[in-house]
Structure formats: C-alpha cells, structure tokens
Amino acid sequence: MSEDHETLIRLIHQRLRYARQFDRLFQDCKGCWVRARPAENRDFRRILDMYDSFEPKASAQGLPPADPERRQYWVHQIISDSISVLAEVEKRVVAHACLIDMDRKAWGEMEIAVHQDWQNRGIGTELTCLLVDIARTFEYRRIWLTVDNLNRRAVHVYEKCGFSFIGPFETEREMEICFDGFKNQQVCD
C-alpha cells in the first residue's frame, strides 16, 4: 500500500470517528435493538470473535479464512486498511462490512458478513445502506461486489440498496452501484 493511500485511509478513519451521522440505532425484524456504526481498531477482538464463530468458514471466495492465524491477520488488515462498519447487540458484534478502497476514493469493493444467528433480520440491509451512505459522503463514484448467484437474500438486499448486476450470468455475479458525489445519481450503464 502506498504512503498516499495509507494517509487517505487514516484521514477517513479520523473523520468516521467523529461523524455521528454514521452511528445508527434500529430495531431488527425480531424487535432487537441493534447499533450500526463505523468500526475502530479497539473493536478488533469483538469482530474476530464474530468471525471465529461464523459458519461456514471460507464459504464466499475463501472468506472468512478457515485457519485461525490467517483469519486474525485478515481481520486486522480489514479494520486497518478499509472503511469498516459493524452491527452490535449488547456489545456483541453480529455483523461486519467493509469498503476496500480500490482506486483512491474513485471506487471500492464491498464485503459483508452477518453471523448466521442474526441473518434474515434486516441487519445486512442496514450495514449495506450505511456503507453506501459513507461512500457517498466521501464522494466515491462506484461500489463493486460479487455475490453467489444462489444467495437470493443477499441479492435482494443489494438490489434494495441500489446495486445492479453487471457482467455475464455466472455462479458468482458482479454487482455495482454508481453515483456522482452527493447527488446519488446513477452514472454507470
């Protein structure tokens, strides 16, 4: 990672720490209160705990890594080098998502994981929308992701948040959302 890129990520982390607009409290579909917010380095252990109990491991493009040491390294890198958000219930992390900066704020790749005990409750939708809002605020032009074609729940969430399919119809599909700064206008074909 270049020094300019590290500086940019550090600046975004500093801004997120003070941006209350990205701290959300909501009720999930079962009536539980959930807090969604930007993750910080101090959240490392709790995020790792979520991934340690996440099943199945290595299910989506090898993530989260099945090997405990690789998983620990991966979580550390994701928190340090990307824009990360989490969902927590009573201080327990139940979901994590990140926007990996691919081209100096021009576009980022999104990854998300909702613990199996907390899926299908609206938490993935909230985290996805939170990352989209953060990307708009920091003037990203595009967010890209891949999703298993058979994961209909995830596809529904992404479409609900404004993503659309790109590329050929295969087992893994690419989706993206494009916008122009704060205007939230689709600018991609």
N, C-alpha and C. Protein backbone atom coordinates (compact mmCIF):
# COMPACT_ATOMS: atom_id res chain seq x y z
N MET A 1 0.84 -1.16 0.00
CA MET A 1 0.00 0.00 0.00
C MET A 1 0.89 1.24 0.00
N SER A 2 0.57 2.20 -0.84
CA SER A 2 1.39 3.40 -0.94
C SER A 2 1.17 4.31 0.27
N GLU A 3 2.11 5.22 0.48
CA GLU A 3 2.01 6.15 1.59
C GLU A 3 0.80 7.06 1.43
N ASP A 4 0.51 7.51 0.19
CA ASP A 4 -0.66 8.34 -0.06
C ASP A 4 -1.95 7.60 0.29
N HIS A 5 -2.00 6.33 -0.08
CA HIS A 5 -3.19 5.52 0.21
C HIS A 5 -3.37 5.34 1.71
N GLU A 6 -2.27 5.08 2.44
CA GLU A 6 -2.34 4.95 3.89
C GLU A 6 -2.81 6.24 4.54
N THR A 7 -2.33 7.37 4.05
CA THR A 7 -2.74 8.66 4.58
C THR A 7 -4.22 8.88 4.35
N LEU A 8 -4.71 8.54 3.16
CA LEU A 8 -6.12 8.69 2.84
C LEU A 8 -6.98 7.84 3.77
N ILE A 9 -6.63 6.58 3.96
CA ILE A 9 -7.40 5.70 4.83
C ILE A 9 -7.38 6.22 6.26
N ARG A 10 -6.23 6.70 6.75
CA ARG A 10 -6.14 7.26 8.10
C ARG A 10 -7.06 8.47 8.24
N LEU A 11 -7.09 9.34 7.23
CA LEU A 11 -7.94 10.52 7.25
C LEU A 11 -9.41 10.11 7.30
N ILE A 12 -9.79 9.14 6.51
CA ILE A 12 -11.18 8.68 6.52
C ILE A 12 -11.53 8.09 7.88
N HIS A 13 -10.62 7.30 8.47
CA HIS A 13 -10.86 6.73 9.80
C HIS A 13 -11.07 7.85 10.82
N GLN A 14 -10.26 8.92 10.75
CA GLN A 14 -10.41 10.03 11.69
C GLN A 14 -11.77 10.71 11.51
N ARG A 15 -12.15 10.95 10.28
CA ARG A 15 -13.45 11.59 10.02
C ARG A 15 -14.60 10.71 10.50
N LEU A 16 -14.51 9.41 10.29
CA LEU A 16 -15.58 8.50 10.70
C LEU A 16 -15.74 8.48 12.21
N ARG A 17 -14.63 8.58 12.93
CA ARG A 17 -14.68 8.56 14.39
C ARG A 17 -15.56 9.67 14.93
N TYR A 18 -15.56 10.81 14.24
CA TYR A 18 -16.30 11.97 14.74
C TYR A 18 -17.63 12.18 14.02
N ALA A 19 -17.98 11.33 13.10
CA ALA A 19 -19.19 11.52 12.32
C ALA A 19 -20.36 10.77 12.94
N ARG A 20 -21.12 11.45 13.77
CA ARG A 20 -22.27 10.82 14.43
C ARG A 20 -23.35 10.43 13.42
N GLN A 21 -23.32 11.02 12.24
CA GLN A 21 -24.33 10.69 11.23
C GLN A 21 -24.24 9.23 10.81
N PHE A 22 -23.11 8.58 11.07
CA PHE A 22 -22.94 7.19 10.68
C PHE A 22 -23.21 6.21 11.83
N ASP A 23 -23.66 6.72 12.95
CA ASP A 23 -23.98 5.88 14.10
C ASP A 23 -25.50 5.72 14.12
N ARG A 24 -25.99 4.49 13.94
CA ARG A 24 -27.42 4.25 13.81
C ARG A 24 -27.89 3.23 14.83
N LEU A 25 -29.06 3.49 15.39
CA LEU A 25 -29.73 2.56 16.28
C LEU A 25 -31.04 2.18 15.62
N PHE A 26 -31.29 0.88 15.47
CA PHE A 26 -32.51 0.44 14.81
C PHE A 26 -32.99 -0.87 15.43
N GLN A 27 -34.24 -1.17 15.20
CA GLN A 27 -34.79 -2.46 15.64
C GLN A 27 -34.77 -3.41 14.46
N ASP A 28 -34.26 -4.63 14.70
CA ASP A 28 -34.27 -5.62 13.63
C ASP A 28 -35.68 -6.21 13.49
N CYS A 29 -35.85 -7.11 12.56
CA CYS A 29 -37.16 -7.70 12.27
C CYS A 29 -37.77 -8.48 13.43
N LYS A 30 -36.95 -8.84 14.42
CA LYS A 30 -37.45 -9.58 15.58
C LYS A 30 -37.57 -8.69 16.81
N GLY A 31 -37.38 -7.38 16.63
CA GLY A 31 -37.56 -6.45 17.73
C GLY A 31 -36.35 -6.17 18.58
N CYS A 32 -35.19 -6.72 18.21
CA CYS A 32 -33.94 -6.47 18.94
C CYS A 32 -33.37 -5.11 18.54
N TRP A 33 -32.85 -4.38 19.53
CA TRP A 33 -32.18 -3.12 19.21
C TRP A 33 -30.75 -3.41 18.77
N VAL A 34 -30.39 -2.85 17.63
CA VAL A 34 -29.08 -3.08 17.03
C VAL A 34 -28.43 -1.72 16.78
N ARG A 35 -27.16 -1.61 17.08
CA ARG A 35 -26.40 -0.40 16.79
C ARG A 35 -25.47 -0.69 15.62
N ALA A 36 -25.55 0.13 14.59
CA ALA A 36 -24.64 0.05 13.44
C ALA A 36 -23.77 1.29 13.47
N ARG A 37 -22.46 1.07 13.30
CA ARG A 37 -21.53 2.21 13.40
C ARG A 37 -20.21 1.86 12.74
N PRO A 38 -19.39 2.88 12.45
CA PRO A 38 -18.05 2.60 11.95
C PRO A 38 -17.24 1.83 12.99
N ALA A 39 -16.47 0.87 12.52
CA ALA A 39 -15.60 0.08 13.40
C ALA A 39 -14.31 0.84 13.65
N GLU A 40 -13.72 0.56 14.79
CA GLU A 40 -12.44 1.16 15.16
C GLU A 40 -11.47 0.04 15.51
N ASN A 41 -10.19 0.37 15.60
CA ASN A 41 -9.18 -0.64 15.94
C ASN A 41 -9.50 -1.34 17.26
N ARG A 42 -10.09 -0.63 18.21
CA ARG A 42 -10.41 -1.23 19.51
C ARG A 42 -11.49 -2.30 19.41
N ASP A 43 -12.18 -2.38 18.27
CA ASP A 43 -13.22 -3.40 18.05
C ASP A 43 -12.65 -4.71 17.52
N PHE A 44 -11.34 -4.76 17.31
CA PHE A 44 -10.71 -5.92 16.69
C PHE A 44 -11.13 -7.24 17.33
N ARG A 45 -10.97 -7.37 18.64
CA ARG A 45 -11.23 -8.64 19.32
C ARG A 45 -12.69 -9.08 19.14
N ARG A 46 -13.62 -8.14 19.25
CA ARG A 46 -15.05 -8.50 19.13
C ARG A 46 -15.41 -8.87 17.69
N ILE A 47 -14.80 -8.22 16.72
CA ILE A 47 -15.04 -8.59 15.32
C ILE A 47 -14.45 -9.97 15.05
N LEU A 48 -13.23 -10.20 15.55
CA LEU A 48 -12.61 -11.51 15.39
C LEU A 48 -13.46 -12.61 16.04
N ASP A 49 -14.01 -12.33 17.21
CA ASP A 49 -14.88 -13.31 17.87
C ASP A 49 -16.07 -13.67 16.98
N MET A 50 -16.64 -12.67 16.31
CA MET A 50 -17.77 -12.96 15.42
C MET A 50 -17.33 -13.89 14.30
N TYR A 51 -16.19 -13.58 13.68
CA TYR A 51 -15.71 -14.43 12.59
C TYR A 51 -15.26 -15.80 13.08
N ASP A 52 -14.76 -15.89 14.30
CA ASP A 52 -14.37 -17.20 14.85
C ASP A 52 -15.58 -18.13 14.97
N SER A 53 -16.75 -17.59 15.27
CA SER A 53 -17.94 -18.43 15.41
C SER A 53 -18.80 -18.43 14.15
N PHE A 54 -18.38 -17.73 13.12
CA PHE A 54 -19.12 -17.66 11.86
C PHE A 54 -19.00 -18.99 11.11
N GLU A 55 -20.11 -19.46 10.58
CA GLU A 55 -20.13 -20.68 9.77
C GLU A 55 -20.98 -20.46 8.53
N PRO A 56 -20.65 -21.04 7.42
CA PRO A 56 -19.44 -21.82 7.18
C PRO A 56 -18.27 -20.90 6.86
N LYS A 57 -17.11 -21.28 7.33
CA LYS A 57 -15.90 -20.51 7.03
C LYS A 57 -15.47 -20.78 5.60
N ALA A 58 -14.77 -19.82 5.02
CA ALA A 58 -14.23 -19.92 3.66
C ALA A 58 -15.34 -20.20 2.64
N SER A 59 -16.55 -19.71 2.92
CA SER A 59 -17.68 -20.00 2.04
C SER A 59 -17.78 -19.06 0.86
N ALA A 60 -17.41 -17.82 1.03
CA ALA A 60 -17.51 -16.84 -0.06
C ALA A 60 -16.11 -16.38 -0.43
N GLN A 61 -15.60 -16.87 -1.53
CA GLN A 61 -14.27 -16.51 -2.01
C GLN A 61 -13.20 -16.74 -0.95
N GLY A 62 -13.39 -17.79 -0.16
CA GLY A 62 -12.41 -18.16 0.86
C GLY A 62 -12.49 -17.35 2.14
N LEU A 63 -13.57 -16.58 2.30
CA LEU A 63 -13.70 -15.72 3.48
C LEU A 63 -14.88 -16.14 4.33
N PRO A 64 -14.81 -15.96 5.63
CA PRO A 64 -13.58 -15.65 6.36
C PRO A 64 -12.63 -16.85 6.31
N PRO A 65 -11.33 -16.59 6.39
CA PRO A 65 -10.37 -17.69 6.33
C PRO A 65 -10.64 -18.74 7.40
N ALA A 66 -10.51 -20.00 7.03
CA ALA A 66 -10.74 -21.10 7.97
C ALA A 66 -9.62 -21.21 9.01
N ASP A 67 -8.38 -20.93 8.60
CA ASP A 67 -7.24 -21.02 9.51
C ASP A 67 -7.28 -19.86 10.51
N PRO A 68 -7.23 -20.15 11.83
CA PRO A 68 -7.33 -19.09 12.84
C PRO A 68 -6.28 -17.98 12.71
N GLU A 69 -5.03 -18.34 12.41
CA GLU A 69 -3.99 -17.31 12.28
C GLU A 69 -4.24 -16.43 11.06
N ARG A 70 -4.62 -17.02 9.94
CA ARG A 70 -4.93 -16.24 8.74
C ARG A 70 -6.15 -15.37 8.97
N ARG A 71 -7.14 -15.89 9.69
CA ARG A 71 -8.35 -15.13 9.99
C ARG A 71 -8.01 -13.91 10.84
N GLN A 72 -7.16 -14.10 11.85
CA GLN A 72 -6.76 -12.99 12.71
C GLN A 72 -6.03 -11.92 11.89
N TYR A 73 -5.11 -12.33 11.04
CA TYR A 73 -4.39 -11.39 10.19
C TYR A 73 -5.36 -10.65 9.26
N TRP A 74 -6.28 -11.40 8.65
CA TRP A 74 -7.25 -10.82 7.71
C TRP A 74 -8.12 -9.77 8.40
N VAL A 75 -8.65 -10.09 9.60
CA VAL A 75 -9.49 -9.12 10.32
C VAL A 75 -8.69 -7.87 10.65
N HIS A 76 -7.45 -8.05 11.11
CA HIS A 76 -6.60 -6.89 11.41
C HIS A 76 -6.41 -6.01 10.17
N GLN A 77 -6.12 -6.63 9.03
CA GLN A 77 -5.91 -5.87 7.79
C GLN A 77 -7.17 -5.15 7.36
N ILE A 78 -8.30 -5.82 7.43
CA ILE A 78 -9.56 -5.22 7.01
C ILE A 78 -9.89 -4.00 7.86
N ILE A 79 -9.72 -4.11 9.17
CA ILE A 79 -10.03 -2.98 10.05
C ILE A 79 -9.06 -1.83 9.82
N SER A 80 -7.79 -2.15 9.59
CA SER A 80 -6.76 -1.12 9.43
C SER A 80 -6.79 -0.44 8.07
N ASP A 81 -7.09 -1.21 7.02
CA ASP A 81 -6.89 -0.71 5.66
C ASP A 81 -8.17 -0.45 4.88
N SER A 82 -9.30 -0.50 5.53
CA SER A 82 -10.55 -0.25 4.81
C SER A 82 -11.50 0.56 5.69
N ILE A 83 -12.60 0.94 5.11
CA ILE A 83 -13.68 1.56 5.88
C ILE A 83 -14.53 0.40 6.37
N SER A 84 -14.54 0.17 7.68
CA SER A 84 -15.28 -0.94 8.26
C SER A 84 -16.43 -0.43 9.10
N VAL A 85 -17.53 -1.16 9.05
CA VAL A 85 -18.68 -0.88 9.90
C VAL A 85 -19.09 -2.18 10.57
N LEU A 86 -19.76 -2.05 11.69
CA LEU A 86 -20.21 -3.24 12.40
C LEU A 86 -21.62 -3.03 12.91
N ALA A 87 -22.27 -4.14 13.22
CA ALA A 87 -23.56 -4.12 13.90
C ALA A 87 -23.36 -4.86 15.21
N GLU A 88 -23.87 -4.27 16.30
CA GLU A 88 -23.69 -4.89 17.60
C GLU A 88 -25.00 -4.90 18.37
N VAL A 89 -25.16 -5.96 19.15
CA VAL A 89 -26.30 -6.11 20.05
C VAL A 89 -25.70 -6.36 21.43
N GLU A 90 -25.95 -5.43 22.34
CA GLU A 90 -25.42 -5.54 23.70
C GLU A 90 -23.91 -5.83 23.68
N LYS A 91 -23.19 -5.06 22.92
CA LYS A 91 -21.72 -5.13 22.81
C LYS A 91 -21.20 -6.37 22.08
N ARG A 92 -22.09 -7.21 21.58
CA ARG A 92 -21.68 -8.39 20.79
C ARG A 92 -21.78 -8.04 19.31
N VAL A 93 -20.70 -8.19 18.57
CA VAL A 93 -20.71 -7.92 17.14
C VAL A 93 -21.46 -9.06 16.45
N VAL A 94 -22.49 -8.68 15.68
CA VAL A 94 -23.31 -9.68 14.98
C VAL A 94 -23.16 -9.60 13.47
N ALA A 95 -22.50 -8.52 12.99
CA ALA A 95 -22.27 -8.38 11.56
C ALA A 95 -21.13 -7.39 11.34
N HIS A 96 -20.47 -7.54 10.21
CA HIS A 96 -19.35 -6.67 9.86
C HIS A 96 -19.36 -6.47 8.35
N ALA A 97 -19.06 -5.28 7.92
CA ALA A 97 -18.95 -4.99 6.49
C ALA A 97 -17.82 -4.01 6.28
N CYS A 98 -17.26 -4.02 5.08
CA CYS A 98 -16.17 -3.09 4.80
C CYS A 98 -16.19 -2.66 3.35
N LEU A 99 -15.60 -1.51 3.13
CA LEU A 99 -15.41 -0.94 1.80
C LEU A 99 -13.91 -0.81 1.60
N ILE A 100 -13.39 -1.66 0.73
CA ILE A 100 -11.95 -1.68 0.46
C ILE A 100 -11.67 -0.71 -0.67
N ASP A 101 -10.88 0.30 -0.38
CA ASP A 101 -10.56 1.34 -1.35
C ASP A 101 -9.70 0.75 -2.46
N MET A 102 -10.22 0.73 -3.67
CA MET A 102 -9.50 0.13 -4.80
C MET A 102 -8.80 1.15 -5.68
N ASP A 103 -9.29 2.38 -5.70
CA ASP A 103 -8.72 3.38 -6.59
C ASP A 103 -8.88 4.78 -6.01
N ARG A 104 -8.15 5.05 -4.96
CA ARG A 104 -8.10 6.38 -4.33
C ARG A 104 -9.45 7.09 -4.32
N LYS A 105 -10.39 6.51 -3.66
CA LYS A 105 -11.74 7.03 -3.49
C LYS A 105 -12.59 7.00 -4.75
N ALA A 106 -12.07 6.58 -5.87
CA ALA A 106 -12.89 6.52 -7.07
C ALA A 106 -13.88 5.36 -6.95
N TRP A 107 -13.40 4.23 -6.46
CA TRP A 107 -14.30 3.09 -6.26
C TRP A 107 -13.75 2.16 -5.21
N GLY A 108 -14.67 1.39 -4.62
CA GLY A 108 -14.29 0.45 -3.59
C GLY A 108 -15.03 -0.85 -3.74
N GLU A 109 -14.44 -1.90 -3.19
CA GLU A 109 -15.07 -3.21 -3.18
C GLU A 109 -15.71 -3.44 -1.81
N MET A 110 -16.95 -3.89 -1.82
CA MET A 110 -17.67 -4.12 -0.57
C MET A 110 -17.68 -5.60 -0.21
N GLU A 111 -17.49 -5.86 1.08
CA GLU A 111 -17.63 -7.20 1.63
C GLU A 111 -18.51 -7.09 2.86
N ILE A 112 -19.34 -8.12 3.10
CA ILE A 112 -20.22 -8.10 4.26
C ILE A 112 -20.41 -9.52 4.77
N ALA A 113 -20.53 -9.64 6.10
CA ALA A 113 -20.83 -10.93 6.72
C ALA A 113 -21.77 -10.67 7.89
N VAL A 114 -22.88 -11.39 7.90
CA VAL A 114 -23.82 -11.35 9.01
C VAL A 114 -23.77 -12.72 9.67
N HIS A 115 -23.49 -12.75 10.97
CA HIS A 115 -23.40 -14.02 11.68
C HIS A 115 -24.68 -14.82 11.44
N GLN A 116 -24.52 -16.12 11.28
CA GLN A 116 -25.65 -16.99 10.92
C GLN A 116 -26.81 -16.91 11.92
N ASP A 117 -26.55 -16.61 13.18
CA ASP A 117 -27.63 -16.49 14.17
C ASP A 117 -28.43 -15.20 14.02
N TRP A 118 -27.93 -14.27 13.20
CA TRP A 118 -28.55 -12.96 13.07
C TRP A 118 -28.99 -12.64 11.64
N GLN A 119 -28.94 -13.62 10.78
CA GLN A 119 -29.33 -13.39 9.38
C GLN A 119 -30.85 -13.30 9.24
N ASN A 120 -31.25 -12.67 8.15
CA ASN A 120 -32.66 -12.54 7.78
C ASN A 120 -33.45 -11.70 8.78
N ARG A 121 -32.77 -10.66 9.31
CA ARG A 121 -33.39 -9.78 10.31
C ARG A 121 -33.28 -8.31 9.92
N GLY A 122 -32.75 -8.02 8.72
CA GLY A 122 -32.61 -6.64 8.26
C GLY A 122 -31.28 -6.00 8.59
N ILE A 123 -30.41 -6.73 9.26
CA ILE A 123 -29.11 -6.18 9.68
C ILE A 123 -28.19 -5.98 8.48
N GLY A 124 -28.17 -6.94 7.56
CA GLY A 124 -27.36 -6.80 6.35
C GLY A 124 -27.78 -5.60 5.52
N THR A 125 -29.08 -5.37 5.45
CA THR A 125 -29.58 -4.21 4.71
C THR A 125 -29.09 -2.91 5.35
N GLU A 126 -29.19 -2.83 6.68
CA GLU A 126 -28.74 -1.61 7.38
C GLU A 126 -27.26 -1.35 7.16
N LEU A 127 -26.43 -2.40 7.27
CA LEU A 127 -24.98 -2.20 7.08
C LEU A 127 -24.65 -1.83 5.65
N THR A 128 -25.33 -2.47 4.69
CA THR A 128 -25.09 -2.14 3.28
C THR A 128 -25.46 -0.68 3.02
N CYS A 129 -26.62 -0.25 3.50
CA CYS A 129 -27.03 1.15 3.31
C CYS A 129 -26.07 2.11 4.01
N LEU A 130 -25.57 1.72 5.18
CA LEU A 130 -24.60 2.56 5.89
C LEU A 130 -23.33 2.73 5.07
N LEU A 131 -22.80 1.65 4.50
CA LEU A 131 -21.60 1.77 3.67
C LEU A 131 -21.86 2.61 2.43
N VAL A 132 -23.03 2.46 1.82
CA VAL A 132 -23.37 3.28 0.66
C VAL A 132 -23.40 4.76 1.06
N ASP A 133 -24.00 5.08 2.21
CA ASP A 133 -24.02 6.47 2.68
C ASP A 133 -22.62 7.01 2.94
N ILE A 134 -21.77 6.19 3.53
CA ILE A 134 -20.39 6.62 3.79
C ILE A 134 -19.67 6.87 2.47
N ALA A 135 -19.84 5.98 1.50
CA ALA A 135 -19.19 6.15 0.19
C ALA A 135 -19.67 7.43 -0.48
N ARG A 136 -20.97 7.71 -0.40
CA ARG A 136 -21.48 8.97 -0.98
C ARG A 136 -20.85 10.17 -0.30
N THR A 137 -20.80 10.13 1.03
CA THR A 137 -20.25 11.25 1.79
C THR A 137 -18.79 11.52 1.40
N PHE A 138 -18.04 10.45 1.19
CA PHE A 138 -16.63 10.62 0.83
C PHE A 138 -16.42 10.64 -0.68
N GLU A 139 -17.51 10.83 -1.43
CA GLU A 139 -17.51 11.07 -2.87
C GLU A 139 -16.90 9.94 -3.70
N TYR A 140 -17.16 8.72 -3.29
CA TYR A 140 -16.82 7.59 -4.16
C TYR A 140 -17.73 7.66 -5.38
N ARG A 141 -17.25 7.17 -6.50
CA ARG A 141 -18.08 7.13 -7.71
C ARG A 141 -18.75 5.78 -7.90
N ARG A 142 -18.20 4.73 -7.24
CA ARG A 142 -18.70 3.38 -7.51
C ARG A 142 -18.35 2.45 -6.37
N ILE A 143 -19.28 1.53 -6.06
CA ILE A 143 -19.01 0.41 -5.16
C ILE A 143 -19.30 -0.86 -5.94
N TRP A 144 -18.41 -1.81 -5.83
CA TRP A 144 -18.49 -3.06 -6.57
C TRP A 144 -18.47 -4.22 -5.58
N LEU A 145 -19.15 -5.31 -5.93
CA LEU A 145 -19.11 -6.51 -5.08
C LEU A 145 -19.39 -7.73 -5.94
N THR A 146 -19.11 -8.89 -5.39
CA THR A 146 -19.51 -10.15 -6.02
C THR A 146 -20.42 -10.88 -5.06
N VAL A 147 -21.33 -11.65 -5.63
CA VAL A 147 -22.29 -12.39 -4.82
C VAL A 147 -22.58 -13.72 -5.51
N ASP A 148 -22.74 -14.76 -4.72
CA ASP A 148 -23.12 -16.07 -5.25
C ASP A 148 -24.53 -15.95 -5.82
N ASN A 149 -24.69 -16.39 -7.02
CA ASN A 149 -25.97 -16.30 -7.71
C ASN A 149 -27.11 -16.96 -6.94
N LEU A 150 -26.81 -17.98 -6.14
CA LEU A 150 -27.84 -18.70 -5.39
C LEU A 150 -28.19 -18.03 -4.06
N ASN A 151 -27.44 -17.01 -3.68
CA ASN A 151 -27.69 -16.30 -2.42
C ASN A 151 -28.75 -15.23 -2.66
N ARG A 152 -29.98 -15.66 -2.79
CA ARG A 152 -31.09 -14.76 -3.15
C ARG A 152 -31.32 -13.67 -2.10
N ARG A 153 -31.12 -14.01 -0.82
CA ARG A 153 -31.31 -12.99 0.22
C ARG A 153 -30.32 -11.84 0.04
N ALA A 154 -29.06 -12.17 -0.21
CA ALA A 154 -28.05 -11.13 -0.41
C ALA A 154 -28.35 -10.31 -1.66
N VAL A 155 -28.70 -10.99 -2.74
CA VAL A 155 -29.04 -10.27 -3.98
C VAL A 155 -30.18 -9.30 -3.73
N HIS A 156 -31.20 -9.74 -2.99
CA HIS A 156 -32.34 -8.87 -2.66
C HIS A 156 -31.88 -7.63 -1.88
N VAL A 157 -31.01 -7.84 -0.89
CA VAL A 157 -30.51 -6.73 -0.08
C VAL A 157 -29.76 -5.74 -0.97
N TYR A 158 -28.87 -6.24 -1.81
CA TYR A 158 -28.08 -5.35 -2.66
C TYR A 158 -28.96 -4.57 -3.63
N GLU A 159 -29.94 -5.24 -4.22
CA GLU A 159 -30.85 -4.54 -5.14
C GLU A 159 -31.66 -3.49 -4.39
N LYS A 160 -32.10 -3.81 -3.19
CA LYS A 160 -32.86 -2.88 -2.36
C LYS A 160 -32.05 -1.62 -2.06
N CYS A 161 -30.74 -1.77 -1.92
CA CYS A 161 -29.85 -0.65 -1.61
C CYS A 161 -29.33 0.07 -2.85
N GLY A 162 -29.77 -0.36 -4.05
CA GLY A 162 -29.42 0.36 -5.27
C GLY A 162 -28.41 -0.32 -6.18
N PHE A 163 -27.92 -1.49 -5.83
CA PHE A 163 -26.96 -2.20 -6.68
C PHE A 163 -27.68 -2.85 -7.85
N SER A 164 -26.95 -3.01 -8.94
CA SER A 164 -27.49 -3.75 -10.09
C SER A 164 -26.40 -4.66 -10.65
N PHE A 165 -26.85 -5.69 -11.37
CA PHE A 165 -25.92 -6.66 -11.94
C PHE A 165 -25.14 -6.06 -13.09
N ILE A 166 -23.88 -6.50 -13.20
CA ILE A 166 -23.05 -6.18 -14.36
C ILE A 166 -22.38 -7.47 -14.79
N GLY A 167 -21.93 -7.53 -16.01
CA GLY A 167 -21.19 -8.70 -16.47
C GLY A 167 -22.07 -9.89 -16.77
N PRO A 168 -21.44 -10.99 -17.16
CA PRO A 168 -22.17 -12.19 -17.59
C PRO A 168 -22.83 -12.93 -16.42
N PHE A 169 -23.79 -13.75 -16.75
CA PHE A 169 -24.51 -14.56 -15.77
C PHE A 169 -23.69 -15.81 -15.48
N GLU A 170 -23.08 -15.86 -14.31
CA GLU A 170 -22.25 -17.00 -13.90
C GLU A 170 -22.60 -17.34 -12.45
N THR A 171 -21.90 -18.32 -11.87
CA THR A 171 -22.15 -18.70 -10.49
C THR A 171 -21.92 -17.52 -9.55
N GLU A 172 -20.80 -16.83 -9.70
CA GLU A 172 -20.53 -15.60 -8.96
C GLU A 172 -20.91 -14.44 -9.87
N ARG A 173 -21.74 -13.54 -9.36
CA ARG A 173 -22.16 -12.39 -10.15
C ARG A 173 -21.55 -11.13 -9.59
N GLU A 174 -21.28 -10.18 -10.47
CA GLU A 174 -20.80 -8.87 -10.05
C GLU A 174 -21.98 -7.92 -9.99
N MET A 175 -21.96 -7.06 -8.97
CA MET A 175 -22.97 -6.02 -8.84
C MET A 175 -22.24 -4.72 -8.53
N GLU A 176 -22.88 -3.61 -8.85
CA GLU A 176 -22.30 -2.32 -8.53
C GLU A 176 -23.39 -1.29 -8.31
N ILE A 177 -23.00 -0.25 -7.62
CA ILE A 177 -23.83 0.95 -7.51
C ILE A 177 -22.91 2.10 -7.89
N CYS A 178 -23.42 2.97 -8.73
CA CYS A 178 -22.64 4.12 -9.18
C CYS A 178 -23.39 5.39 -8.80
N PHE A 179 -22.64 6.39 -8.38
CA PHE A 179 -23.24 7.67 -8.06
C PHE A 179 -22.23 8.77 -8.29
N ASP A 180 -22.75 9.98 -8.35
CA ASP A 180 -21.94 11.15 -8.63
C ASP A 180 -21.92 12.03 -7.39
N GLY A 181 -20.94 11.81 -6.53
CA GLY A 181 -20.81 12.62 -5.32
C GLY A 181 -22.03 12.55 -4.44
N PHE A 182 -22.54 13.69 -4.02
CA PHE A 182 -23.69 13.75 -3.13
C PHE A 182 -25.01 13.60 -3.86
N LYS A 183 -24.99 13.67 -5.18
CA LYS A 183 -26.23 13.69 -5.94
C LYS A 183 -26.95 12.35 -5.99
N ASN A 184 -26.22 11.27 -5.75
CA ASN A 184 -26.81 9.92 -5.77
C ASN A 184 -27.48 9.62 -7.10
N GLN A 185 -26.90 10.04 -8.19
CA GLN A 185 -27.44 9.74 -9.50
C GLN A 185 -26.66 8.59 -10.09
N GLN A 186 -27.37 7.68 -10.75
CA GLN A 186 -26.69 6.58 -11.43
C GLN A 186 -25.89 7.18 -12.59
N VAL A 187 -24.61 6.83 -12.66
CA VAL A 187 -23.77 7.36 -13.74
C VAL A 187 -23.16 6.26 -14.58
N CYS A 188 -23.37 5.00 -14.20
CA CYS A 188 -22.86 3.89 -14.98
C CYS A 188 -23.96 3.28 -15.84
N ASP A 189 -23.57 2.61 -16.89
CA ASP A 189 -24.56 1.95 -17.74
C ASP A 189 -25.15 0.75 -17.06
